[in-house]
C-alpha atoms as a PDB file:
ATOM      1  CA  MET A   1     120.671  86.512 104.550  1.00  0.00           C
ATOM      2  CA  THR A   2     117.952  85.391 102.384  1.00  0.00           C
ATOM      3  CA  ASP A   3     118.581  83.056  99.456  1.00  0.00           C
ATOM      4  CA  LEU A   4     115.517  84.506  97.746  1.00  0.00           C
ATOM      5  CA  THR A   5     115.669  86.946  94.800  1.00  0.00           C
ATOM      6  CA  ILE A   6     112.994  88.501  92.599  1.00  0.00           C
ATOM      7  CA  LYS A   7     112.176  86.774  89.886  1.00  0.00           C
ATOM      8  CA  ARG A   8     109.546  88.654  87.749  1.00  0.00           C
ATOM      9  CA  ARG A   9     107.483  91.736  88.594  1.00  0.00           C
ATOM     10  CA  VAL A  10     104.157  92.357  86.367  1.00  0.00           C
ATOM     11  CA  MET A  11     101.540  94.964  86.767  1.00  0.00           C
ATOM     12  CA  ILE A  12      97.981  93.418  86.675  1.00  0.00           C
ATOM     13  CA  PRO A  13      94.606  95.602  86.900  1.00  0.00           C
ATOM     14  CA  VAL A  14      92.621  93.854  89.906  1.00  0.00           C
ATOM     15  CA  ARG A  15      89.535  95.038  90.900  1.00  0.00           C
ATOM     16  CA  ALA A  16      87.907  94.951  87.362  1.00  0.00           C
ATOM     17  CA  GLY A  17      90.529  97.611  86.792  1.00  0.00           C
ATOM     18  CA  ASP A  18      90.281 100.035  89.642  1.00  0.00           C
ATOM     19  CA  VAL A  19      93.384  98.905  91.244  1.00  0.00           C
ATOM     20  CA  THR A  20      96.617  98.513  89.790  1.00  0.00           C
ATOM     21  CA  ALA A  21      99.031  96.138  91.948  1.00  0.00           C
ATOM     22  CA  GLU A  22     102.399  94.635  90.765  1.00  0.00           C
ATOM     23  CA  PHE A  23     102.950  91.011  91.351  1.00  0.00           C
ATOM     24  CA  ILE A  24     106.248  89.994  91.893  1.00  0.00           C
ATOM     25  CA  SER A  25     107.631  86.044  92.025  1.00  0.00           C
ATOM     26  CA  PHE A  26     110.767  84.734  93.499  1.00  0.00           C
ATOM     27  CA  ASN A  27     113.463  82.544  92.632  1.00  0.00           C
ATOM     28  CA  GLY A  28     115.325  80.333  95.533  1.00  0.00           C
ATOM     29  CA  ASP A  29     112.493  78.770  97.324  1.00  0.00           C
ATOM     30  CA  ASP A  30     112.592  75.188  97.022  1.00  0.00           C
ATOM     31  CA  SER A  31     109.058  74.321  98.705  1.00  0.00           C
ATOM     32  CA  GLY A  32     107.291  74.806  94.875  1.00  0.00           C
ATOM     33  CA  LYS A  33     104.466  76.535  96.497  1.00  0.00           C
ATOM     34  CA  GLU A  34     104.937  79.875  94.097  1.00  0.00           C
ATOM     35  CA  HIS A  35     104.304  82.290  97.197  1.00  0.00           C
ATOM     36  CA  ILE A  36     103.598  85.768  95.647  1.00  0.00           C
ATOM     37  CA  GLY A  37     104.272  89.418  96.773  1.00  0.00           C
ATOM     38  CA  ILE A  38     101.572  92.180  95.442  1.00  0.00           C
ATOM     39  CA  TYR A  39     102.773  95.713  95.690  1.00  0.00           C
ATOM     40  CA  PHE A  40     100.272  98.869  96.093  1.00  0.00           C
ATOM     41  CA  ALA A  41     101.976 102.203  95.425  1.00  0.00           C
ATOM     42  CA  GLY A  42      99.603 104.105  97.697  1.00  0.00           C
ATOM     43  CA  ASN A  43      99.456 107.777  98.096  1.00  0.00           C
ATOM     44  CA  PRO A  44     102.836 108.933  96.332  1.00  0.00           C
ATOM     45  CA  ASP A  45     103.043 111.780  98.998  1.00  0.00           C
ATOM     46  CA  GLU A  46     102.824 109.620 101.862  1.00  0.00           C
ATOM     47  CA  THR A  47     105.009 106.681 100.436  1.00  0.00           C
ATOM     48  CA  LYS A  48     107.563 108.789  99.208  1.00  0.00           C
ATOM     49  CA  GLN A  49     108.465 110.035 102.671  1.00  0.00           C
ATOM     50  CA  ALA A  50     111.986 108.908 104.080  1.00  0.00           C
ATOM     51  CA  ASP A  51     110.032 107.709 107.258  1.00  0.00           C
ATOM     52  CA  HIS A  52     107.455 105.740 105.485  1.00  0.00           C
ATOM     53  CA  VAL A  53     106.929 102.158 106.783  1.00  0.00           C
ATOM     54  CA  PRO A  54     105.177 100.051 104.300  1.00  0.00           C
ATOM     55  CA  LEU A  55     101.850  98.244 105.341  1.00  0.00           C
ATOM     56  CA  VAL A  56     102.025  94.534 105.241  1.00  0.00           C
ATOM     57  CA  ARG A  57      99.502  91.444 105.267  1.00  0.00           C
ATOM     58  CA  LEU A  58     100.521  88.285 105.542  1.00  0.00           C
ATOM     59  CA  HIS A  59      97.584  86.514 103.649  1.00  0.00           C
ATOM     60  CA  SER A  60      97.252  82.541 103.577  1.00  0.00           C
ATOM     61  CA  GLU A  61      95.710  80.982 100.632  1.00  0.00           C
ATOM     62  CA  CYS A  62      92.377  79.958 101.038  1.00  0.00           C
ATOM     63  CA  LEU A  63      90.332  78.945  98.132  1.00  0.00           C
ATOM     64  CA  THR A  64      86.832  78.380 100.062  1.00  0.00           C
ATOM     65  CA  GLY A  65      86.671  82.255 101.349  1.00  0.00           C
ATOM     66  CA  ASP A  66      89.614  84.038  98.770  1.00  0.00           C
ATOM     67  CA  VAL A  67      87.341  82.447  95.938  1.00  0.00           C
ATOM     68  CA  PHE A  68      84.059  81.481  96.588  1.00  0.00           C
ATOM     69  CA  GLY A  69      83.087  83.696  99.923  1.00  0.00           C
ATOM     70  CA  SER A  70      82.540  80.970 102.291  1.00  0.00           C
ATOM     71  CA  GLY A  71      81.054  81.951 105.400  1.00  0.00           C
ATOM     72  CA  ARG A  72      83.026  79.384 107.642  1.00  0.00           C
ATOM     73  CA  CYS A  73      86.200  81.911 107.713  1.00  0.00           C
ATOM     74  CA  ASP A  74      86.663  85.370 107.501  1.00  0.00           C
ATOM     75  CA  CYS A  75      89.700  85.124 104.917  1.00  0.00           C
ATOM     76  CA  GLY A  76      88.118  86.313 101.915  1.00  0.00           C
ATOM     77  CA  GLU A  77      86.573  89.483 104.004  1.00  0.00           C
ATOM     78  CA  GLN A  78      89.955  89.813 105.387  1.00  0.00           C
ATOM     79  CA  LEU A  79      91.523  90.131 101.843  1.00  0.00           C
ATOM     80  CA  ASP A  80      89.449  92.341 100.587  1.00  0.00           C
ATOM     81  CA  GLU A  81      90.132  94.863 103.647  1.00  0.00           C
ATOM     82  CA  ALA A  82      93.798  94.447 102.859  1.00  0.00           C
ATOM     83  CA  ILE A  83      93.607  95.306  99.340  1.00  0.00           C
ATOM     84  CA  ASP A  84      91.506  98.693 100.089  1.00  0.00           C
ATOM     85  CA  ARG A  85      94.013  99.412 102.828  1.00  0.00           C
ATOM     86  CA  ILE A  86      96.944  98.903 101.592  1.00  0.00           C
ATOM     87  CA  ASN A  87      96.327 100.400  98.193  1.00  0.00           C
ATOM     88  CA  GLU A  88      95.556 103.251 100.240  1.00  0.00           C
ATOM     89  CA  GLU A  89      98.325 103.604 102.394  1.00  0.00           C
ATOM     90  CA  GLY A  90     101.109 101.796  99.836  1.00  0.00           C
ATOM     91  CA  GLY A  91     102.686  98.226 101.209  1.00  0.00           C
ATOM     92  CA  TYR A  92     102.512  94.329 100.208  1.00  0.00           C
ATOM     93  CA  ILE A  93     100.158  91.702 100.569  1.00  0.00           C
ATOM     94  CA  LEU A  94     102.103  88.494 100.905  1.00  0.00           C
ATOM     95  CA  TYR A  95     100.136  85.897  99.382  1.00  0.00           C
ATOM     96  CA  LEU A  96     101.059  82.611 101.279  1.00  0.00           C
ATOM     97  CA  ARG A  97     100.239  79.281  99.572  1.00  0.00           C
ATOM     98  CA  GLN A  98      99.502  77.608 102.893  1.00  0.00           C
ATOM     99  CA  GLU A  99      96.306  76.523 102.490  1.00  0.00           C
ATOM    100  CA  GLY A 100      94.222  75.577 105.840  1.00  0.00           C
ATOM    101  CA  ARG A 101      96.535  77.015 108.205  1.00  0.00           C
ATOM    102  CA  GLY A 102      99.241  74.934 106.351  1.00  0.00           C
ATOM    103  CA  ILE A 103      97.391  71.385 105.946  1.00  0.00           C
ATOM    104  CA  GLY A 104      96.060  71.732 102.825  1.00  0.00           C
ATOM    105  CA  LEU A 105      93.014  72.091 100.843  1.00  0.00           C
ATOM    106  CA  TYR A 106      91.679  68.305 101.209  1.00  0.00           C
ATOM    107  CA  ALA A 107      92.616  68.122 105.022  1.00  0.00           C
ATOM    108  CA  LYS A 108      90.980  71.532 105.710  1.00  0.00           C
ATOM    109  CA  LEU A 109      87.764  69.830 104.287  1.00  0.00           C
ATOM    110  CA  GLU A 110      88.271  66.643 106.594  1.00  0.00           C
ATOM    111  CA  ALA A 111      88.768  69.086 109.487  1.00  0.00           C
ATOM    112  CA  TYR A 112      85.296  70.997 108.415  1.00  0.00           C
ATOM    113  CA  ALA A 113      83.612  67.495 108.455  1.00  0.00           C
ATOM    114  CA  LEU A 114      84.692  67.052 111.877  1.00  0.00           C
ATOM    115  CA  GLN A 115      83.520  70.626 112.719  1.00  0.00           C
ATOM    116  CA  ASP A 116      80.237  69.567 111.709  1.00  0.00           C
ATOM    117  CA  GLN A 117      80.230  67.038 114.233  1.00  0.00           C
ATOM    118  CA  GLY A 118      80.949  69.816 116.967  1.00  0.00           C
ATOM    119  CA  TYR A 119      84.691  69.899 117.548  1.00  0.00           C
ATOM    120  CA  ASP A 120      86.259  73.075 117.097  1.00  0.00           C
ATOM    121  CA  THR A 121      88.776  73.613 114.261  1.00  0.00           C
ATOM    122  CA  TYR A 122      91.873  72.896 116.513  1.00  0.00           C
ATOM    123  CA  GLN A 123      90.118  69.821 118.105  1.00  0.00           C
ATOM    124  CA  ALA A 124      89.756  68.717 114.246  1.00  0.00           C
ATOM    125  CA  ASN A 125      93.144  69.202 113.502  1.00  0.00           C
ATOM    126  CA  GLU A 126      94.414  67.482 116.451  1.00  0.00           C
ATOM    127  CA  MET A 127      92.032  64.264 115.700  1.00  0.00           C
ATOM    128  CA  LEU A 128      93.431  64.016 112.059  1.00  0.00           C
ATOM    129  CA  HIS A 129      96.904  64.295 113.667  1.00  0.00           C
ATOM    130  CA  LEU A 130      97.675  67.394 112.096  1.00  0.00           C
ATOM    131  CA  PRO A 131      99.529  70.795 113.617  1.00  0.00           C
ATOM    132  CA  ASP A 132      97.044  73.563 115.284  1.00  0.00           C
ATOM    133  CA  ASP A 133      98.823  75.861 112.890  1.00  0.00           C
ATOM    134  CA  GLY A 134     101.596  74.360 110.028  1.00  0.00           C
ATOM    135  CA  ARG A 135     102.139  77.810 108.572  1.00  0.00           C
ATOM    136  CA  ASP A 136     105.913  79.094 108.254  1.00  0.00           C
ATOM    137  CA  PHE A 137     105.951  83.039 108.100  1.00  0.00           C
ATOM    138  CA  GLY A 138     109.937  82.536 107.828  1.00  0.00           C
ATOM    139  CA  ILE A 139     109.371  82.845 104.043  1.00  0.00           C
ATOM    140  CA  ALA A 140     107.429  85.621 104.487  1.00  0.00           C
ATOM    141  CA  ALA A 141     110.256  87.275 105.948  1.00  0.00           C
ATOM    142  CA  ASP A 142     112.505  86.237 103.230  1.00  0.00           C
ATOM    143  CA  MET A 143     109.989  87.616 100.817  1.00  0.00           C
ATOM    144  CA  LEU A 144     110.288  91.008 102.246  1.00  0.00           C
ATOM    145  CA  LEU A 145     114.034  91.038 102.803  1.00  0.00           C
ATOM    146  CA  ALA A 146     114.557  89.957  98.833  1.00  0.00           C
ATOM    147  CA  LEU A 147     111.969  93.106  98.339  1.00  0.00           C
ATOM    148  CA  GLY A 148     114.247  95.205 100.399  1.00  0.00           C
ATOM    149  CA  VAL A 149     111.983  95.718 103.218  1.00  0.00           C
ATOM    150  CA  SER A 150     113.105  94.992 106.544  1.00  0.00           C
ATOM    151  CA  LYS A 151     110.311  97.299 108.833  1.00  0.00           C
ATOM    152  CA  VAL A 152     106.847  97.042 108.236  1.00  0.00           C
ATOM    153  CA  ARG A 153     103.887  97.776 109.871  1.00  0.00           C
ATOM    154  CA  LEU A 154     101.966  94.168 109.998  1.00  0.00           C
ATOM    155  CA  LEU A 155      97.904  94.098 109.277  1.00  0.00           C
ATOM    156  CA  THR A 156      97.218  91.217 111.376  1.00  0.00           C
ATOM    157  CA  ASN A 157      95.095  89.960 114.792  1.00  0.00           C
ATOM    158  CA  ASN A 158      97.252  87.082 115.000  1.00  0.00           C
ATOM    159  CA  PRO A 159     100.275  87.780 117.178  1.00  0.00           C
ATOM    160  CA  ASP A 160     102.497  84.388 115.924  1.00  0.00           C
ATOM    161  CA  LYS A 161     102.583  86.203 112.633  1.00  0.00           C
ATOM    162  CA  ALA A 162     104.745  89.173 114.167  1.00  0.00           C
ATOM    163  CA  GLN A 163     106.741  86.695 116.316  1.00  0.00           C
ATOM    164  CA  GLN A 164     107.612  84.727 113.540  1.00  0.00           C
ATOM    165  CA  LEU A 165     108.782  88.087 111.524  1.00  0.00           C
ATOM    166  CA  LYS A 166     110.656  89.457 114.480  1.00  0.00           C
ATOM    167  CA  GLU A 167     112.439  86.178 114.583  1.00  0.00           C
ATOM    168  CA  HIS A 168     113.691  86.379 110.892  1.00  0.00           C
ATOM    169  CA  GLY A 169     115.280  89.565 111.352  1.00  0.00           C
ATOM    170  CA  ILE A 170     112.081  92.029 110.511  1.00  0.00           C
ATOM    171  CA  ASP A 171     111.190  94.877 112.588  1.00  0.00           C
ATOM    172  CA  VAL A 172     107.453  94.729 113.203  1.00  0.00           C
ATOM    173  CA  ALA A 173     106.914  98.688 114.080  1.00  0.00           C
ATOM    174  CA  GLU A 174     103.243  98.144 114.515  1.00  0.00           C
ATOM    175  CA  LEU A 175     100.521  95.790 114.529  1.00  0.00           C
ATOM    176  CA  VAL A 176      97.571  97.265 112.614  1.00  0.00           C
ATOM    177  CA  PRO A 177      94.480  95.266 113.619  1.00  0.00           C
ATOM    178  CA  THR A 178      92.026  94.131 111.078  1.00  0.00           C
ATOM    179  CA  LYS A 179      88.005  94.312 111.325  1.00  0.00           C
ATOM    180  CA  VAL A 180      86.390  91.457 112.855  1.00  0.00           C
ATOM    181  CA  HIS A 181      84.333  89.789 110.032  1.00  0.00           C
ATOM    182  CA  VAL A 182      81.921  87.528 112.057  1.00  0.00           C
ATOM    183  CA  ASN A 183      79.072  85.950 110.858  1.00  0.00           C
ATOM    184  CA  GLN A 184      76.633  83.334 111.948  1.00  0.00           C
ATOM    185  CA  HIS A 185      78.944  80.456 110.429  1.00  0.00           C
ATOM    186  CA  ASN A 186      82.226  82.010 111.740  1.00  0.00           C
ATOM    187  CA  ARG A 187      81.149  83.174 114.942  1.00  0.00           C
ATOM    188  CA  GLN A 188      82.645  79.946 116.920  1.00  0.00           C
ATOM    189  CA  TYR A 189      85.560  79.644 114.573  1.00  0.00           C
ATOM    190  CA  LEU A 190      86.869  83.564 115.376  1.00  0.00           C
ATOM    191  CA  GLU A 191      86.063  83.101 119.132  1.00  0.00           C
ATOM    192  CA  THR A 192      88.305  79.891 119.264  1.00  0.00           C
ATOM    193  CA  LYS A 193      91.362  81.671 117.818  1.00  0.00           C
ATOM    194  CA  ALA A 194      90.869  84.420 120.310  1.00  0.00           C
ATOM    195  CA  LYS A 195      90.658  82.094 122.952  1.00  0.00           C
ATOM    196  CA  ARG A 196      93.213  79.552 122.228  1.00  0.00           C
ATOM    197  CA  LYS A 197      95.760  81.190 120.094  1.00  0.00           C
ATOM    198  CA  GLN A 198      95.419  85.130 121.596  1.00  0.00           C
ATOM    199  CA  HIS A 199      94.427  86.616 118.394  1.00  0.00           C
ATOM    200  CA  THR A 200      93.251  90.093 119.315  1.00  0.00           C
ATOM    201  CA  LEU A 201      89.737  89.966 118.158  1.00  0.00           C
ATOM    202  CA  LYS A 202      87.014  91.939 119.844  1.00  0.00           C
ATOM    203  CA  PHE A 203      83.180  91.180 119.140  1.00  0.00           C
ATOM    204  CA  ASP A 204      79.835  93.124 120.052  1.00  0.00           C
END
């Protein structure tokens, strides 16, 4: 049983007011990272049905991609896609403060510098004596349980997210792949994720 409880729910217009979402904070997380749940009501005709399973995206914070539209990753595009799809279908984005796959912003910039020398994203982390992926998605499971959600359709190409949710008591009813947001700057990064971490990415 999770120790998390809901602290506050606040309605916030996003996308210049075109979309309204409910931002949710929590009590009981001692990490100090201030993870946020974001609820989108979706189409009431569908979401009020007894068998509706919410669409959920676990999105790790990426300052460079989410805020500044960096071409070195696909994070900003994935977040935009998640807002569009979940706003339509109903569900949650869990915005997790786990920058740089959990290594932090400064370390991510150090890893980028190594990638500029020809190393891939995982080799760069290894050279910095950091984990390939230091994220803990158990906190996402705790957030879902605090929200009263125990069964989800998971919007992801990353099998590790689903596995960690399952290990923490969440029924992942379906894996819903995201689009492949590839460009000239991030192709090698995405191909490396598919090769080394089995992300379900299909390239043209």
